[in-house]
Amino acid sequence: MIDSSFSNYATCFKALSDKLRLNILFYLYQNEEKCVCSLSEYFATAQSALSYHLKILTDNGLLIKRQEAVWNFYSLNKEHFLFPMLKTIFKNQVKAQINTNGK
């Protein structure tokens, strides 16, 4: 028998299974809140393509979207049940970058 209570986890892990989406989350972890234009510029990605990924992350509760006039700002949802796991992954990524750059 398949336990349907895993469905929320499966959906969130599916959202995390894309390299660009993980990079977006990591960038926001390091830089707090950013507007979609800043994200588009940083990732050298068209806003329409980036918006697709931001929607997936927002729909899964991993990002918080705040609208100010015509601008959309995104930040990590630190209340999400997967945030502690993401925080650990991102801290390890920062350490790995420091070790790579320091050698």
PDB file of N, CA and C in Angstrom:
ATOM      1  N   MET A   1       0.838  -1.189   0.000  1.00  0.00           N
ATOM      2  CA  MET A   1       0.000   0.000   0.000  1.00  0.00           C
ATOM      3  C   MET A   1       0.883   1.254   0.000  1.00  0.00           C
ATOM      4  N   ILE A   2       0.566   2.193  -0.849  1.00  0.00           N
ATOM      5  CA  ILE A   2       1.326   3.433  -0.944  1.00  0.00           C
ATOM      6  C   ILE A   2       0.745   4.454   0.024  1.00  0.00           C
ATOM      7  N   ASP A   3       1.619   5.055   0.791  1.00  0.00           N
ATOM      8  CA  ASP A   3       1.207   6.048   1.778  1.00  0.00           C
ATOM      9  C   ASP A   3       1.102   7.409   1.101  1.00  0.00           C
ATOM     10  N   SER A   4      -0.097   7.966   1.066  1.00  0.00           N
ATOM     11  CA  SER A   4      -0.320   9.252   0.395  1.00  0.00           C
ATOM     12  C   SER A   4       0.277  10.429   1.171  1.00  0.00           C
ATOM     13  N   SER A   5       0.675  10.220   2.414  1.00  0.00           N
ATOM     14  CA  SER A   5       1.251  11.323   3.185  1.00  0.00           C
ATOM     15  C   SER A   5       2.624  11.740   2.649  1.00  0.00           C
ATOM     16  N   PHE A   6       3.215  10.919   1.803  1.00  0.00           N
ATOM     17  CA  PHE A   6       4.502  11.275   1.198  1.00  0.00           C
ATOM     18  C   PHE A   6       4.343  12.191  -0.007  1.00  0.00           C
ATOM     19  N   SER A   7       3.131  12.431  -0.426  1.00  0.00           N
ATOM     20  CA  SER A   7       2.898  13.204  -1.642  1.00  0.00           C
ATOM     21  C   SER A   7       3.462  14.619  -1.544  1.00  0.00           C
ATOM     22  N   ASN A   8       3.337  15.269  -0.404  1.00  0.00           N
ATOM     23  CA  ASN A   8       3.874  16.622  -0.224  1.00  0.00           C
ATOM     24  C   ASN A   8       5.401  16.610  -0.327  1.00  0.00           C
ATOM     25  N   TYR A   9       6.015  15.607   0.274  1.00  0.00           N
ATOM     26  CA  TYR A   9       7.472  15.486   0.197  1.00  0.00           C
ATOM     27  C   TYR A   9       7.901  15.248  -1.248  1.00  0.00           C
ATOM     28  N   ALA A  10       7.224  14.346  -1.924  1.00  0.00           N
ATOM     29  CA  ALA A  10       7.578  14.011  -3.306  1.00  0.00           C
ATOM     30  C   ALA A  10       7.479  15.238  -4.203  1.00  0.00           C
ATOM     31  N   THR A  11       6.435  16.022  -4.038  1.00  0.00           N
ATOM     32  CA  THR A  11       6.249  17.223  -4.848  1.00  0.00           C
ATOM     33  C   THR A  11       7.366  18.233  -4.582  1.00  0.00           C
ATOM     34  N   CYS A  12       7.722  18.414  -3.330  1.00  0.00           N
ATOM     35  CA  CYS A  12       8.792  19.359  -2.990  1.00  0.00           C
ATOM     36  C   CYS A  12      10.144  18.872  -3.502  1.00  0.00           C
ATOM     37  N   PHE A  13      10.417  17.576  -3.366  1.00  0.00           N
ATOM     38  CA  PHE A  13      11.689  17.060  -3.860  1.00  0.00           C
ATOM     39  C   PHE A  13      11.758  17.155  -5.381  1.00  0.00           C
ATOM     40  N   LYS A  14      10.631  17.019  -6.035  1.00  0.00           N
ATOM     41  CA  LYS A  14      10.597  17.197  -7.489  1.00  0.00           C
ATOM     42  C   LYS A  14      10.959  18.650  -7.839  1.00  0.00           C
ATOM     43  N   ALA A  15      10.451  19.590  -7.062  1.00  0.00           N
ATOM     44  CA  ALA A  15      10.771  21.007  -7.285  1.00  0.00           C
ATOM     45  C   ALA A  15      12.264  21.264  -7.074  1.00  0.00           C
ATOM     46  N   LEU A  16      12.885  20.505  -6.186  1.00  0.00           N
ATOM     47  CA  LEU A  16      14.308  20.676  -5.895  1.00  0.00           C
ATOM     48  C   LEU A  16      15.213  19.919  -6.870  1.00  0.00           C
ATOM     49  N   SER A  17      14.623  19.152  -7.771  1.00  0.00           N
ATOM     50  CA  SER A  17      15.412  18.276  -8.644  1.00  0.00           C
ATOM     51  C   SER A  17      16.008  18.987  -9.854  1.00  0.00           C
ATOM     52  N   ASP A  18      15.853  20.282  -9.934  1.00  0.00           N
ATOM     53  CA  ASP A  18      16.373  21.044 -11.062  1.00  0.00           C
ATOM     54  C   ASP A  18      17.560  21.895 -10.586  1.00  0.00           C
ATOM     55  N   LYS A  19      18.662  21.834 -11.326  1.00  0.00           N
ATOM     56  CA  LYS A  19      19.887  22.546 -10.936  1.00  0.00           C
ATOM     57  C   LYS A  19      19.668  24.058 -10.848  1.00  0.00           C
ATOM     58  N   LEU A  20      18.953  24.637 -11.799  1.00  0.00           N
ATOM     59  CA  LEU A  20      18.709  26.082 -11.751  1.00  0.00           C
ATOM     60  C   LEU A  20      17.901  26.459 -10.523  1.00  0.00           C
ATOM     61  N   ARG A  21      16.892  25.666 -10.197  1.00  0.00           N
ATOM     62  CA  ARG A  21      16.071  25.978  -9.018  1.00  0.00           C
ATOM     63  C   ARG A  21      16.901  25.894  -7.741  1.00  0.00           C
ATOM     64  N   LEU A  22      17.792  24.910  -7.649  1.00  0.00           N
ATOM     65  CA  LEU A  22      18.680  24.832  -6.482  1.00  0.00           C
ATOM     66  C   LEU A  22      19.608  26.037  -6.434  1.00  0.00           C
ATOM     67  N   ASN A  23      20.100  26.462  -7.585  1.00  0.00           N
ATOM     68  CA  ASN A  23      20.956  27.645  -7.632  1.00  0.00           C
ATOM     69  C   ASN A  23      20.192  28.905  -7.230  1.00  0.00           C
ATOM     70  N   ILE A  24      18.937  29.002  -7.621  1.00  0.00           N
ATOM     71  CA  ILE A  24      18.111  30.144  -7.219  1.00  0.00           C
ATOM     72  C   ILE A  24      17.968  30.169  -5.697  1.00  0.00           C
ATOM     73  N   LEU A  25      17.655  29.016  -5.120  1.00  0.00           N
ATOM     74  CA  LEU A  25      17.495  28.926  -3.668  1.00  0.00           C
ATOM     75  C   LEU A  25      18.805  29.282  -2.955  1.00  0.00           C
ATOM     76  N   PHE A  26      19.923  28.781  -3.475  1.00  0.00           N
ATOM     77  CA  PHE A  26      21.224  29.057  -2.878  1.00  0.00           C
ATOM     78  C   PHE A  26      21.561  30.549  -2.973  1.00  0.00           C
ATOM     79  N   TYR A  27      21.289  31.146  -4.112  1.00  0.00           N
ATOM     80  CA  TYR A  27      21.534  32.578  -4.301  1.00  0.00           C
ATOM     81  C   TYR A  27      20.701  33.399  -3.306  1.00  0.00           C
ATOM     82  N   LEU A  28      19.446  33.029  -3.138  1.00  0.00           N
ATOM     83  CA  LEU A  28      18.592  33.753  -2.191  1.00  0.00           C
ATOM     84  C   LEU A  28      19.013  33.493  -0.746  1.00  0.00           C
ATOM     85  N   TYR A  29      19.546  32.325  -0.479  1.00  0.00           N
ATOM     86  CA  TYR A  29      20.081  32.020   0.854  1.00  0.00           C
ATOM     87  C   TYR A  29      21.225  32.982   1.179  1.00  0.00           C
ATOM     88  N   GLN A  30      22.050  33.260   0.181  1.00  0.00           N
ATOM     89  CA  GLN A  30      23.201  34.134   0.379  1.00  0.00           C
ATOM     90  C   GLN A  30      22.855  35.617   0.312  1.00  0.00           C
ATOM     91  N   ASN A  31      21.780  35.954  -0.402  1.00  0.00           N
ATOM     92  CA  ASN A  31      21.496  37.367  -0.685  1.00  0.00           C
ATOM     93  C   ASN A  31      20.143  37.864  -0.194  1.00  0.00           C
ATOM     94  N   GLU A  32      19.451  37.075   0.586  1.00  0.00           N
ATOM     95  CA  GLU A  32      18.132  37.460   1.103  1.00  0.00           C
ATOM     96  C   GLU A  32      17.125  37.673  -0.019  1.00  0.00           C
ATOM     97  N   GLU A  33      16.405  38.760   0.010  1.00  0.00           N
ATOM     98  CA  GLU A  33      15.326  39.026  -0.943  1.00  0.00           C
ATOM     99  C   GLU A  33      15.859  39.713  -2.202  1.00  0.00           C
ATOM    100  N   LYS A  34      15.390  39.246  -3.360  1.00  0.00           N
ATOM    101  CA  LYS A  34      15.790  39.854  -4.635  1.00  0.00           C
ATOM    102  C   LYS A  34      14.579  39.950  -5.559  1.00  0.00           C
ATOM    103  N   CYS A  35      14.607  40.963  -6.421  1.00  0.00           N
ATOM    104  CA  CYS A  35      13.536  41.098  -7.408  1.00  0.00           C
ATOM    105  C   CYS A  35      13.840  40.173  -8.592  1.00  0.00           C
ATOM    106  N   VAL A  36      12.809  39.860  -9.342  1.00  0.00           N
ATOM    107  CA  VAL A  36      12.966  38.942 -10.470  1.00  0.00           C
ATOM    108  C   VAL A  36      13.940  39.505 -11.498  1.00  0.00           C
ATOM    109  N   CYS A  37      14.001  40.800 -11.650  1.00  0.00           N
ATOM    110  CA  CYS A  37      14.939  41.399 -12.619  1.00  0.00           C
ATOM    111  C   CYS A  37      16.384  41.149 -12.197  1.00  0.00           C
ATOM    112  N   SER A  38      16.679  41.248 -10.906  1.00  0.00           N
ATOM    113  CA  SER A  38      18.029  40.962 -10.408  1.00  0.00           C
ATOM    114  C   SER A  38      18.389  39.496 -10.597  1.00  0.00           C
ATOM    115  N   LEU A  39      17.419  38.622 -10.330  1.00  0.00           N
ATOM    116  CA  LEU A  39      17.653  37.192 -10.520  1.00  0.00           C
ATOM    117  C   LEU A  39      17.894  36.871 -11.988  1.00  0.00           C
ATOM    118  N   SER A  40      17.102  37.481 -12.848  1.00  0.00           N
ATOM    119  CA  SER A  40      17.240  37.258 -14.285  1.00  0.00           C
ATOM    120  C   SER A  40      18.615  37.701 -14.764  1.00  0.00           C
ATOM    121  N   GLU A  41      19.054  38.832 -14.288  1.00  0.00           N
ATOM    122  CA  GLU A  41      20.374  39.352 -14.666  1.00  0.00           C
ATOM    123  C   GLU A  41      21.487  38.449 -14.136  1.00  0.00           C
ATOM    124  N   TYR A  42      21.393  38.047 -12.872  1.00  0.00           N
ATOM    125  CA  TYR A  42      22.436  37.228 -12.257  1.00  0.00           C
ATOM    126  C   TYR A  42      22.577  35.879 -12.973  1.00  0.00           C
ATOM    127  N   PHE A  43      21.441  35.257 -13.282  1.00  0.00           N
ATOM    128  CA  PHE A  43      21.475  33.934 -13.909  1.00  0.00           C
ATOM    129  C   PHE A  43      21.524  33.997 -15.435  1.00  0.00           C
ATOM    130  N   ALA A  44      21.547  35.208 -15.989  1.00  0.00           N
ATOM    131  CA  ALA A  44      21.579  35.400 -17.447  1.00  0.00           C
ATOM    132  C   ALA A  44      20.501  34.555 -18.122  1.00  0.00           C
ATOM    133  N   THR A  45      19.295  34.684 -17.584  1.00  0.00           N
ATOM    134  CA  THR A  45      18.145  33.911 -18.048  1.00  0.00           C
ATOM    135  C   THR A  45      16.993  34.868 -18.322  1.00  0.00           C
ATOM    136  N   ALA A  46      16.255  34.592 -19.365  1.00  0.00           N
ATOM    137  CA  ALA A  46      15.082  35.416 -19.677  1.00  0.00           C
ATOM    138  C   ALA A  46      14.111  35.377 -18.505  1.00  0.00           C
ATOM    139  N   GLN A  47      13.458  36.522 -18.244  1.00  0.00           N
ATOM    140  CA  GLN A  47      12.517  36.594 -17.124  1.00  0.00           C
ATOM    141  C   GLN A  47      11.401  35.567 -17.255  1.00  0.00           C
ATOM    142  N   SER A  48      10.951  35.288 -18.466  1.00  0.00           N
ATOM    143  CA  SER A  48       9.871  34.310 -18.647  1.00  0.00           C
ATOM    144  C   SER A  48      10.319  32.918 -18.215  1.00  0.00           C
ATOM    145  N   ALA A  49      11.534  32.532 -18.582  1.00  0.00           N
ATOM    146  CA  ALA A  49      12.054  31.220 -18.179  1.00  0.00           C
ATOM    147  C   ALA A  49      12.269  31.170 -16.679  1.00  0.00           C
ATOM    148  N   LEU A  50      12.814  32.238 -16.128  1.00  0.00           N
ATOM    149  CA  LEU A  50      13.062  32.299 -14.693  1.00  0.00           C
ATOM    150  C   LEU A  50      11.746  32.278 -13.918  1.00  0.00           C
ATOM    151  N   SER A  51      10.751  32.980 -14.421  1.00  0.00           N
ATOM    152  CA  SER A  51       9.441  33.019 -13.763  1.00  0.00           C
ATOM    153  C   SER A  51       8.825  31.629 -13.647  1.00  0.00           C
ATOM    154  N   TYR A  52       9.053  30.804 -14.648  1.00  0.00           N
ATOM    155  CA  TYR A  52       8.559  29.416 -14.620  1.00  0.00           C
ATOM    156  C   TYR A  52       9.131  28.690 -13.399  1.00  0.00           C
ATOM    157  N   HIS A  53      10.429  28.813 -13.187  1.00  0.00           N
ATOM    158  CA  HIS A  53      11.089  28.140 -12.062  1.00  0.00           C
ATOM    159  C   HIS A  53      10.690  28.768 -10.727  1.00  0.00           C
ATOM    160  N   LEU A  54      10.573  30.083 -10.700  1.00  0.00           N
ATOM    161  CA  LEU A  54      10.146  30.758  -9.472  1.00  0.00           C
ATOM    162  C   LEU A  54       8.735  30.350  -9.077  1.00  0.00           C
ATOM    163  N   LYS A  55       7.873  30.159 -10.052  1.00  0.00           N
ATOM    164  CA  LYS A  55       6.497  29.720  -9.773  1.00  0.00           C
ATOM    165  C   LYS A  55       6.489  28.331  -9.135  1.00  0.00           C
ATOM    166  N   ILE A  56       7.293  27.429  -9.665  1.00  0.00           N
ATOM    167  CA  ILE A  56       7.365  26.079  -9.095  1.00  0.00           C
ATOM    168  C   ILE A  56       7.824  26.146  -7.644  1.00  0.00           C
ATOM    169  N   LEU A  57       8.860  26.924  -7.387  1.00  0.00           N
ATOM    170  CA  LEU A  57       9.374  27.044  -6.021  1.00  0.00           C
ATOM    171  C   LEU A  57       8.372  27.728  -5.096  1.00  0.00           C
ATOM    172  N   THR A  58       7.686  28.729  -5.608  1.00  0.00           N
ATOM    173  CA  THR A  58       6.674  29.439  -4.813  1.00  0.00           C
ATOM    174  C   THR A  58       5.463  28.551  -4.558  1.00  0.00           C
ATOM    175  N   ASP A  59       4.996  27.853  -5.588  1.00  0.00           N
ATOM    176  CA  ASP A  59       3.840  26.969  -5.434  1.00  0.00           C
ATOM    177  C   ASP A  59       4.088  25.859  -4.419  1.00  0.00           C
ATOM    178  N   ASN A  60       5.352  25.463  -4.263  1.00  0.00           N
ATOM    179  CA  ASN A  60       5.704  24.431  -3.291  1.00  0.00           C
ATOM    180  C   ASN A  60       6.050  25.007  -1.922  1.00  0.00           C
ATOM    181  N   GLY A  61       5.915  26.323  -1.785  1.00  0.00           N
ATOM    182  CA  GLY A  61       6.126  26.964  -0.495  1.00  0.00           C
ATOM    183  C   GLY A  61       7.579  27.189  -0.135  1.00  0.00           C
ATOM    184  N   LEU A  62       8.494  26.922  -1.061  1.00  0.00           N
ATOM    185  CA  LEU A  62       9.913  27.086  -0.769  1.00  0.00           C
ATOM    186  C   LEU A  62      10.351  28.545  -0.839  1.00  0.00           C
ATOM    187  N   LEU A  63       9.624  29.349  -1.611  1.00  0.00           N
ATOM    188  CA  LEU A  63       9.898  30.775  -1.725  1.00  0.00           C
ATOM    189  C   LEU A  63       8.690  31.579  -1.283  1.00  0.00           C
ATOM    190  N   ILE A  64       8.969  32.770  -0.821  1.00  0.00           N
ATOM    191  CA  ILE A  64       7.925  33.747  -0.515  1.00  0.00           C
ATOM    192  C   ILE A  64       8.010  34.824  -1.585  1.00  0.00           C
ATOM    193  N   LYS A  65       6.875  35.145  -2.160  1.00  0.00           N
ATOM    194  CA  LYS A  65       6.802  36.179  -3.194  1.00  0.00           C
ATOM    195  C   LYS A  65       6.122  37.404  -2.594  1.00  0.00           C
ATOM    196  N   ARG A  66       6.761  38.547  -2.783  1.00  0.00           N
ATOM    197  CA  ARG A  66       6.200  39.809  -2.308  1.00  0.00           C
ATOM    198  C   ARG A  66       6.138  40.751  -3.502  1.00  0.00           C
ATOM    199  N   GLN A  67       4.966  41.332  -3.693  1.00  0.00           N
ATOM    200  CA  GLN A  67       4.799  42.255  -4.819  1.00  0.00           C
ATOM    201  C   GLN A  67       4.795  43.682  -4.301  1.00  0.00           C
ATOM    202  N   GLU A  68       5.585  44.505  -4.977  1.00  0.00           N
ATOM    203  CA  GLU A  68       5.648  45.930  -4.660  1.00  0.00           C
ATOM    204  C   GLU A  68       5.510  46.668  -5.987  1.00  0.00           C
ATOM    205  N   ALA A  69       4.379  47.348  -6.150  1.00  0.00           N
ATOM    206  CA  ALA A  69       4.039  48.000  -7.425  1.00  0.00           C
ATOM    207  C   ALA A  69       4.079  46.942  -8.526  1.00  0.00           C
ATOM    208  N   VAL A  70       4.923  47.103  -9.520  1.00  0.00           N
ATOM    209  CA  VAL A  70       4.985  46.133 -10.619  1.00  0.00           C
ATOM    210  C   VAL A  70       6.104  45.111 -10.424  1.00  0.00           C
ATOM    211  N   TRP A  71       6.861  45.208  -9.323  1.00  0.00           N
ATOM    212  CA  TRP A  71       8.001  44.335  -9.085  1.00  0.00           C
ATOM    213  C   TRP A  71       7.636  43.174  -8.173  1.00  0.00           C
ATOM    214  N   ASN A  72       8.165  42.001  -8.500  1.00  0.00           N
ATOM    215  CA  ASN A  72       8.017  40.829  -7.642  1.00  0.00           C
ATOM    216  C   ASN A  72       9.357  40.537  -6.975  1.00  0.00           C
ATOM    217  N   PHE A  73       9.322  40.405  -5.661  1.00  0.00           N
ATOM    218  CA  PHE A  73      10.514  40.103  -4.882  1.00  0.00           C
ATOM    219  C   PHE A  73      10.369  38.706  -4.292  1.00  0.00           C
ATOM    220  N   TYR A  74      11.477  37.966  -4.271  1.00  0.00           N
ATOM    221  CA  TYR A  74      11.466  36.589  -3.781  1.00  0.00           C
ATOM    222  C   TYR A  74      12.478  36.417  -2.667  1.00  0.00           C
ATOM    223  N   SER A  75      12.102  35.581  -1.695  1.00  0.00           N
ATOM    224  CA  SER A  75      13.006  35.234  -0.602  1.00  0.00           C
ATOM    225  C   SER A  75      12.693  33.803  -0.175  1.00  0.00           C
ATOM    226  N   LEU A  76      13.642  33.207   0.533  1.00  0.00           N
ATOM    227  CA  LEU A  76      13.436  31.851   1.033  1.00  0.00           C
ATOM    228  C   LEU A  76      12.366  31.846   2.116  1.00  0.00           C
ATOM    229  N   ASN A  77      11.561  30.806   2.118  1.00  0.00           N
ATOM    230  CA  ASN A  77      10.581  30.619   3.178  1.00  0.00           C
ATOM    231  C   ASN A  77      11.256  29.830   4.296  1.00  0.00           C
ATOM    232  N   LYS A  78      11.695  30.534   5.311  1.00  0.00           N
ATOM    233  CA  LYS A  78      12.427  29.909   6.413  1.00  0.00           C
ATOM    234  C   LYS A  78      11.523  29.086   7.326  1.00  0.00           C
ATOM    235  N   GLU A  79      10.221  29.158   7.093  1.00  0.00           N
ATOM    236  CA  GLU A  79       9.268  28.368   7.875  1.00  0.00           C
ATOM    237  C   GLU A  79       8.923  27.045   7.187  1.00  0.00           C
ATOM    238  N   HIS A  80       9.407  26.842   5.978  1.00  0.00           N
ATOM    239  CA  HIS A  80       9.109  25.617   5.226  1.00  0.00           C
ATOM    240  C   HIS A  80       9.754  24.420   5.922  1.00  0.00           C
ATOM    241  N   PHE A  81       9.070  23.276   5.901  1.00  0.00           N
ATOM    242  CA  PHE A  81       9.575  22.105   6.615  1.00  0.00           C
ATOM    243  C   PHE A  81      10.909  21.600   6.056  1.00  0.00           C
ATOM    244  N   LEU A  82      11.257  21.944   4.826  1.00  0.00           N
ATOM    245  CA  LEU A  82      12.537  21.522   4.255  1.00  0.00           C
ATOM    246  C   LEU A  82      13.648  22.554   4.445  1.00  0.00           C
ATOM    247  N   PHE A  83      13.341  23.704   5.012  1.00  0.00           N
ATOM    248  CA  PHE A  83      14.363  24.743   5.164  1.00  0.00           C
ATOM    249  C   PHE A  83      15.572  24.275   5.979  1.00  0.00           C
ATOM    250  N   PRO A  84      15.393  23.555   7.090  1.00  0.00           N
ATOM    251  CA  PRO A  84      16.587  23.103   7.829  1.00  0.00           C
ATOM    252  C   PRO A  84      17.517  22.228   6.965  1.00  0.00           C
ATOM    253  N   MET A  85      16.949  21.381   6.132  1.00  0.00           N
ATOM    254  CA  MET A  85      17.745  20.549   5.253  1.00  0.00           C
ATOM    255  C   MET A  85      18.479  21.417   4.220  1.00  0.00           C
ATOM    256  N   LEU A  86      17.759  22.370   3.613  1.00  0.00           N
ATOM    257  CA  LEU A  86      18.367  23.257   2.632  1.00  0.00           C
ATOM    258  C   LEU A  86      19.486  24.084   3.261  1.00  0.00           C
ATOM    259  N   LYS A  87      19.254  24.558   4.462  1.00  0.00           N
ATOM    260  CA  LYS A  87      20.258  25.359   5.170  1.00  0.00           C
ATOM    261  C   LYS A  87      21.543  24.552   5.369  1.00  0.00           C
ATOM    262  N   THR A  88      21.416  23.293   5.738  1.00  0.00           N
ATOM    263  CA  THR A  88      22.579  22.422   5.910  1.00  0.00           C
ATOM    264  C   THR A  88      23.306  22.228   4.587  1.00  0.00           C
ATOM    265  N   ILE A  89      22.564  21.975   3.527  1.00  0.00           N
ATOM    266  CA  ILE A  89      23.154  21.795   2.200  1.00  0.00           C
ATOM    267  C   ILE A  89      23.895  23.061   1.785  1.00  0.00           C
ATOM    268  N   PHE A  90      23.275  24.216   1.969  1.00  0.00           N
ATOM    269  CA  PHE A  90      23.877  25.477   1.549  1.00  0.00           C
ATOM    270  C   PHE A  90      25.113  25.823   2.378  1.00  0.00           C
ATOM    271  N   LYS A  91      25.085  25.544   3.673  1.00  0.00           N
ATOM    272  CA  LYS A  91      26.270  25.780   4.507  1.00  0.00           C
ATOM    273  C   LYS A  91      27.428  24.909   4.035  1.00  0.00           C
ATOM    274  N   ASN A  92      27.129  23.661   3.697  1.00  0.00           N
ATOM    275  CA  ASN A  92      28.170  22.766   3.182  1.00  0.00           C
ATOM    276  C   ASN A  92      28.693  23.247   1.836  1.00  0.00           C
ATOM    277  N   GLN A  93      27.823  23.799   1.019  1.00  0.00           N
ATOM    278  CA  GLN A  93      28.229  24.332  -0.279  1.00  0.00           C
ATOM    279  C   GLN A  93      29.167  25.524  -0.096  1.00  0.00           C
ATOM    280  N   VAL A  94      28.851  26.382   0.853  1.00  0.00           N
ATOM    281  CA  VAL A  94      29.705  27.538   1.136  1.00  0.00           C
ATOM    282  C   VAL A  94      31.076  27.055   1.594  1.00  0.00           C
ATOM    283  N   LYS A  95      31.112  26.067   2.496  1.00  0.00           N
ATOM    284  CA  LYS A  95      32.392  25.517   2.970  1.00  0.00           C
ATOM    285  C   LYS A  95      33.186  24.925   1.811  1.00  0.00           C
ATOM    286  N   ALA A  96      32.507  24.216   0.925  1.00  0.00           N
ATOM    287  CA  ALA A  96      33.185  23.606  -0.224  1.00  0.00           C
ATOM    288  C   ALA A  96      33.768  24.681  -1.141  1.00  0.00           C
ATOM    289  N   GLN A  97      33.043  25.763  -1.324  1.00  0.00           N
ATOM    290  CA  GLN A  97      33.539  26.859  -2.159  1.00  0.00           C
ATOM    291  C   GLN A  97      34.764  27.513  -1.530  1.00  0.00           C
ATOM    292  N   ILE A  98      34.724  27.690  -0.225  1.00  0.00           N
ATOM    293  CA  ILE A  98      35.851  28.292   0.485  1.00  0.00           C
ATOM    294  C   ILE A  98      37.076  27.378   0.362  1.00  0.00           C
ATOM    295  N   ASN A  99      36.880  26.076   0.551  1.00  0.00           N
ATOM    296  CA  ASN A  99      37.988  25.127   0.455  1.00  0.00           C
ATOM    297  C   ASN A  99      38.561  25.082  -0.961  1.00  0.00           C
ATOM    298  N   THR A 100      37.701  25.169  -1.969  1.00  0.00           N
ATOM    299  CA  THR A 100      38.154  25.131  -3.355  1.00  0.00           C
ATOM    300  C   THR A 100      38.909  26.409  -3.706  1.00  0.00           C
ATOM    301  N   ASN A 101      38.388  27.533  -3.268  1.00  0.00           N
ATOM    302  CA  ASN A 101      39.022  28.820  -3.585  1.00  0.00           C
ATOM    303  C   ASN A 101      40.273  29.059  -2.749  1.00  0.00           C
ATOM    304  N   GLY A 102      40.319  28.440  -1.581  1.00  0.00           N
ATOM    305  CA  GLY A 102      41.444  28.645  -0.682  1.00  0.00           C
ATOM    306  C   GLY A 102      42.663  27.801  -1.021  1.00  0.00           C
ATOM    307  N   LYS A 103      42.508  26.806  -1.886  1.00  0.00           N
ATOM    308  CA  LYS A 103      43.627  25.913  -2.219  1.00  0.00           C
ATOM    309  C   LYS A 103      44.429  26.415  -3.372  1.00  0.00           C
TER     310      LYS A 103
END
